């Protein structure tokens, strides 16, 4: 993990340009969205798409076991069953 410090000036309307090195680390470019995670007086800026996926993965943790999907074969069988149902419609 590379640690570095960068800074930016807050403009009149509260806008800040995210420094290029930070954008590269976050994997964001023009039109992408970032999320601000505030914890006390600390703020983390994260790539919104990556953060949403991490939250979803955390929420879904353990759900495959509850559905009886323990192995790759279980998943393949479920997909086959779903495809058969679609073909019969």
Protein backbone atom coordinates (compact mmCIF):
# COMPACT_ATOMS: atom_id res chain seq x y z
CA UNK A 1 0.00 0.00 0.00
CA UNK A 2 1.43 3.33 -1.05
CA UNK A 3 0.85 6.19 1.36
CA UNK A 4 1.11 9.80 0.19
CA UNK A 5 -0.34 13.17 1.01
CA UNK A 6 -1.81 15.53 -1.53
CA UNK A 7 -3.91 18.64 -1.13
CA UNK A 8 -6.39 20.79 -3.01
CA UNK A 9 -7.92 24.21 -2.58
CA UNK A 10 -11.62 24.55 -1.71
CA UNK A 11 -13.25 26.95 -4.16
CA UNK A 12 -16.06 29.46 -3.43
CA UNK A 13 -18.88 26.94 -4.04
CA UNK A 14 -17.16 24.21 -2.01
CA UNK A 15 -15.76 22.49 -5.08
CA UNK A 16 -12.44 20.68 -4.95
CA UNK A 17 -10.42 19.22 -7.79
CA UNK A 18 -9.28 15.73 -6.85
CA UNK A 19 -5.54 15.56 -7.58
CA UNK A 20 -4.54 13.33 -10.51
CA UNK A 21 -2.53 10.92 -8.33
CA UNK A 22 -5.56 10.45 -6.07
CA UNK A 23 -7.91 9.93 -9.05
CA UNK A 24 -5.51 7.27 -10.35
CA UNK A 25 -5.50 5.44 -7.01
CA UNK A 26 -9.31 5.58 -6.84
CA UNK A 27 -9.67 4.53 -10.47
CA UNK A 28 -12.00 7.43 -11.27
CA UNK A 29 -12.14 9.71 -14.26
CA UNK A 30 -14.45 12.28 -15.83
CA UNK A 31 -18.10 11.49 -15.06
CA UNK A 32 -17.39 8.87 -12.38
CA UNK A 33 -18.82 9.31 -8.91
CA UNK A 34 -17.05 9.30 -5.56
CA UNK A 35 -18.50 8.77 -2.09
CA UNK A 36 -17.47 10.62 1.06
CA UNK A 37 -17.43 8.44 4.17
CA UNK A 38 -17.41 10.64 7.26
CA UNK A 39 -16.31 9.18 10.60
CA UNK A 40 -15.92 11.89 13.22
CA UNK A 41 -13.45 14.39 11.82
CA UNK A 42 -12.00 11.92 9.31
CA UNK A 43 -13.30 11.71 5.73
CA UNK A 44 -12.50 8.94 3.25
CA UNK A 45 -13.09 9.46 -0.46
CA UNK A 46 -13.83 6.24 -2.34
CA UNK A 47 -14.87 5.21 -5.82
CA UNK A 48 -18.68 4.94 -5.53
CA UNK A 49 -18.96 1.88 -7.79
CA UNK A 50 -16.26 0.00 -5.89
CA UNK A 51 -17.77 0.98 -2.55
CA UNK A 52 -21.26 -0.12 -3.61
CA UNK A 53 -19.87 -3.51 -4.66
CA UNK A 54 -18.06 -3.91 -1.35
CA UNK A 55 -21.24 -3.11 0.59
CA UNK A 56 -23.24 -5.57 -1.53
CA UNK A 57 -20.64 -8.30 -1.04
CA UNK A 58 -20.71 -7.74 2.73
CA UNK A 59 -24.51 -7.86 2.81
CA UNK A 60 -24.57 -11.03 0.72
CA UNK A 61 -21.90 -12.79 2.77
CA UNK A 62 -23.16 -16.23 3.80
CA UNK A 63 -26.27 -16.11 1.60
CA UNK A 64 -24.97 -18.72 -0.86
CA UNK A 65 -24.68 -21.25 1.96
CA UNK A 66 -28.24 -20.53 3.05
CA UNK A 67 -29.35 -21.21 -0.53
CA UNK A 68 -27.46 -24.51 -0.61
CA UNK A 69 -24.80 -23.25 -3.01
CA UNK A 70 -21.63 -24.62 -1.45
CA UNK A 71 -19.61 -25.54 -4.56
CA UNK A 72 -19.07 -24.39 -8.13
CA UNK A 73 -21.03 -27.49 -9.18
CA UNK A 74 -24.02 -26.36 -7.09
CA UNK A 75 -23.96 -23.00 -8.87
CA UNK A 76 -23.64 -24.64 -12.31
CA UNK A 77 -26.60 -26.90 -11.53
CA UNK A 78 -28.72 -23.93 -10.45
CA UNK A 79 -27.85 -22.07 -13.67
CA UNK A 80 -28.76 -25.14 -15.74
CA UNK A 81 -32.10 -25.43 -13.96
CA UNK A 82 -32.84 -21.75 -14.52
CA UNK A 83 -31.97 -22.02 -18.23
CA UNK A 84 -34.29 -25.01 -18.60
CA UNK A 85 -37.11 -23.03 -17.00
CA UNK A 86 -36.48 -20.12 -19.39
CA UNK A 87 -36.49 -22.45 -22.42
CA UNK A 88 -39.83 -23.96 -21.38
CA UNK A 89 -41.55 -20.56 -21.37
